[in-house]
Protein backbone atom coordinates (compact mmCIF):
# COMPACT_ATOMS: atom_id res chain seq x y z
CA MET A 1 -62.41 206.99 235.90
CA LYS A 2 -61.71 207.68 232.26
CA ALA A 3 -64.06 206.10 229.70
CA GLN A 4 -62.44 203.74 227.24
CA VAL A 5 -63.02 204.69 223.62
CA LEU A 6 -62.85 201.87 221.11
CA PRO A 7 -62.56 202.47 217.38
CA LEU A 8 -65.84 201.87 215.54
CA LYS A 9 -64.21 199.15 213.42
CA LEU A 10 -63.25 197.20 216.56
CA ILE A 11 -66.71 197.61 218.10
CA LEU A 12 -68.37 196.35 214.91
CA ALA A 13 -65.99 193.40 214.74
CA GLN A 14 -66.83 192.48 218.34
CA VAL A 15 -70.59 192.72 217.71
CA ILE A 16 -70.34 190.61 214.53
CA ALA A 17 -68.21 188.02 216.34
CA ARG A 18 -70.78 187.78 219.17
CA GLN A 19 -73.64 187.39 216.68
CA MET A 20 -71.79 184.69 214.74
CA LYS A 21 -70.96 182.78 217.90
CA ALA A 22 -74.58 183.02 219.06
CA SER A 23 -75.81 181.71 215.69
CA VAL A 24 -73.27 178.89 215.61
CA LYS A 25 -73.88 178.02 219.24
CA GLU A 26 -77.57 177.49 218.42
CA PHE A 27 -76.39 174.42 216.53
CA LEU A 28 -75.85 172.73 219.91
CA THR A 29 -77.55 173.53 223.19
CA LYS A 30 -75.32 174.14 226.19
CA SER A 31 -75.95 170.61 227.50
CA GLU A 32 -75.30 169.12 224.03
CA GLU A 33 -72.05 171.08 223.81
CA GLU A 34 -71.04 169.75 227.24
CA ALA A 35 -71.82 166.19 226.10
CA VAL A 36 -69.64 166.61 223.00
CA VAL A 37 -66.75 167.99 225.08
CA GLU A 38 -67.16 165.07 227.48
CA ALA A 39 -66.99 162.67 224.52
CA ILE A 40 -63.68 164.28 223.53
CA ARG A 41 -62.36 163.90 227.08
CA GLN A 42 -63.44 160.27 227.28
CA ALA A 43 -61.87 159.43 223.92
CA GLU A 44 -58.62 161.17 224.87
CA LEU A 45 -58.38 159.23 228.15
CA ARG A 46 -57.33 156.18 226.11
CA THR A 47 -54.97 157.78 223.59
CA SER A 48 -52.17 160.26 223.12
CA GLY A 49 -54.19 161.63 220.19
CA GLU A 50 -55.94 164.98 220.21
CA ILE A 51 -59.52 165.57 219.06
CA ARG A 52 -61.15 168.93 218.48
CA VAL A 53 -64.46 170.21 217.12
CA HIS A 54 -64.73 173.53 215.30
CA LEU A 55 -68.02 175.18 214.33
CA GLU A 56 -68.50 178.01 211.91
CA ARG A 57 -71.58 179.52 210.33
CA ASN A 58 -70.69 179.21 206.64
CA VAL A 59 -67.90 177.81 204.53
CA LYS A 60 -66.66 179.48 201.38
CA GLY A 61 -65.58 176.67 199.12
CA VAL A 62 -64.94 173.07 200.10
CA ALA A 63 -65.42 172.03 203.73
CA LEU A 64 -62.36 169.76 203.77
CA GLU A 65 -60.12 172.55 202.47
CA ARG A 66 -61.43 174.89 205.19
CA ALA A 67 -60.86 172.16 207.78
CA LYS A 68 -57.24 171.84 206.62
CA VAL A 69 -56.72 175.59 207.07
CA LEU A 70 -58.28 175.50 210.53
CA PHE A 71 -56.20 172.44 211.40
CA GLN A 72 -53.10 174.62 210.96
CA GLU A 73 -54.63 177.69 212.65
CA LEU A 74 -55.66 175.65 215.69
CA LYS A 75 -52.09 174.26 215.82
CA MET A 76 -53.34 170.72 215.56
CA ASN A 77 -50.37 169.91 213.37
CA ASN A 78 -48.09 170.53 216.37
CA THR A 79 -48.87 167.36 218.29
CA LYS A 80 -45.90 165.19 219.15
CA ALA A 81 -47.13 162.08 217.30
CA GLU A 82 -48.96 163.95 214.50
CA ASN A 83 -52.20 162.35 215.67
CA GLY A 84 -54.73 165.17 215.84
CA VAL A 85 -58.25 164.89 214.44
CA LEU A 86 -60.46 167.88 213.67
CA PHE A 87 -64.22 167.66 213.19
CA TYR A 88 -65.29 170.75 211.25
CA VAL A 89 -68.95 171.77 210.81
CA ALA A 90 -70.31 174.72 208.80
CA THR A 91 -73.62 174.93 210.66
CA GLU A 92 -75.79 176.97 208.28
CA ASP A 93 -74.40 175.37 205.15
CA ARG A 94 -74.89 171.92 206.69
CA LYS A 95 -71.44 170.79 205.55
CA PHE A 96 -68.78 169.04 207.55
CA ALA A 97 -65.38 167.46 207.21
CA ILE A 98 -63.00 165.35 209.25
CA CYS A 99 -59.32 166.13 209.03
CA GLY A 100 -56.62 163.90 210.47
CA ASP A 101 -52.89 164.59 210.79
CA ARG A 102 -50.16 162.55 209.06
CA GLY A 103 -49.60 160.17 211.96
CA ILE A 104 -53.19 158.95 212.15
CA ASN A 105 -53.76 159.10 208.37
CA GLY A 106 -50.82 156.79 207.83
CA LYS A 107 -52.24 154.13 210.15
CA VAL A 108 -56.03 153.94 209.83
CA PRO A 109 -57.67 151.73 207.19
CA ALA A 110 -58.27 153.43 203.83
CA ASN A 111 -62.05 153.62 204.32
CA PHE A 112 -61.94 154.83 207.93
CA TRP A 113 -62.64 158.53 207.35
CA GLU A 114 -65.38 157.79 204.84
CA SER A 115 -67.11 155.33 207.18
CA THR A 116 -66.85 157.81 210.07
CA LYS A 117 -68.31 160.53 207.84
CA GLU A 118 -71.21 158.25 206.86
CA LEU A 119 -71.86 157.39 210.51
CA MET A 120 -72.03 161.06 211.43
CA GLN A 121 -74.07 161.94 208.36
CA SER A 122 -76.74 159.40 209.26
CA HIS A 123 -77.30 161.24 212.55
CA PHE A 124 -77.00 164.71 211.02
CA LYS A 125 -79.71 163.89 208.47
CA GLN A 126 -82.06 163.21 211.38
CA GLY A 127 -81.12 166.52 213.03
CA SER A 128 -79.16 164.76 215.77
CA PHE A 129 -75.99 166.81 215.57
CA LYS A 130 -74.84 166.05 219.10
CA GLN A 131 -75.11 162.30 218.57
CA GLY A 132 -73.41 162.50 215.19
CA LEU A 133 -70.45 164.35 216.69
CA ILE A 134 -70.28 162.03 219.71
CA GLU A 135 -70.27 158.91 217.54
CA GLY A 136 -67.68 160.38 215.17
CA ILE A 137 -65.48 161.31 218.13
CA ALA A 138 -65.88 157.83 219.65
CA SER A 139 -64.97 156.22 216.31
CA ALA A 140 -61.87 158.39 215.94
CA GLY A 141 -61.02 157.75 219.59
CA GLU A 142 -61.07 153.99 219.03
CA GLN A 143 -58.68 154.26 216.09
CA LEU A 144 -56.44 156.63 218.03
CA HIS A 145 -56.44 154.19 220.95
CA THR A 146 -55.49 151.33 218.64
CA TYR A 147 -52.56 153.12 217.03
CA PHE A 148 -51.66 155.72 219.68
CA PRO A 149 -52.56 154.28 223.09
CA TRP A 150 -52.31 156.46 226.15
CA ASP A 151 -49.19 156.09 228.25
CA THR A 152 -47.92 157.60 231.48
CA ASN A 153 -45.94 160.31 229.66
CA ASP A 154 -49.02 161.55 227.80
CA ARG A 155 -50.31 165.07 228.36
CA ASN A 156 -53.27 166.88 226.90
CA GLU A 157 -51.56 168.95 224.20
CA LEU A 158 -54.64 170.88 223.02
CA PRO A 159 -57.79 172.23 224.71
CA ASP A 160 -60.88 170.02 224.56
CA GLU A 161 -63.45 172.80 224.14
CA ILE A 162 -65.42 173.40 220.97
CA THR A 163 -63.98 176.31 219.02
CA VAL A 164 -66.05 178.73 216.97
CA SER A 165 -65.30 181.25 214.26
């Protein structure tokens, strides 16, 4: 069997990626992460909308601008009804943003995203990150259900797992 030789640059990139994921994953325990993913699944049972959570260690610049970039990278703008919602959290910087696609933004009340942010922030300030995410997801899920109810032709367009960079 021939040994596989990887370029040093690739090895370092893999090590750094593992360390970042480990650091970000410390934000939620495994059981908390499972509870958040279950909240996404439960919310999506009642809507054609798509909800995702993305965690990252730090954000350079404004959290909402980073969330908009990730929204595109995660292909959340490719949903049929333009009804994706991304919850973005920069774990070490303690910043977060909620980004909704055109379809949902055009339907929810003007203060919806701000009230959802405040709801989540009240939990985050107490160190209850899991509960903050779950309540934010449930709130978004209710709005998605109101404006984009689930129907028999619906399919899960995007994975429900928490993504990390």
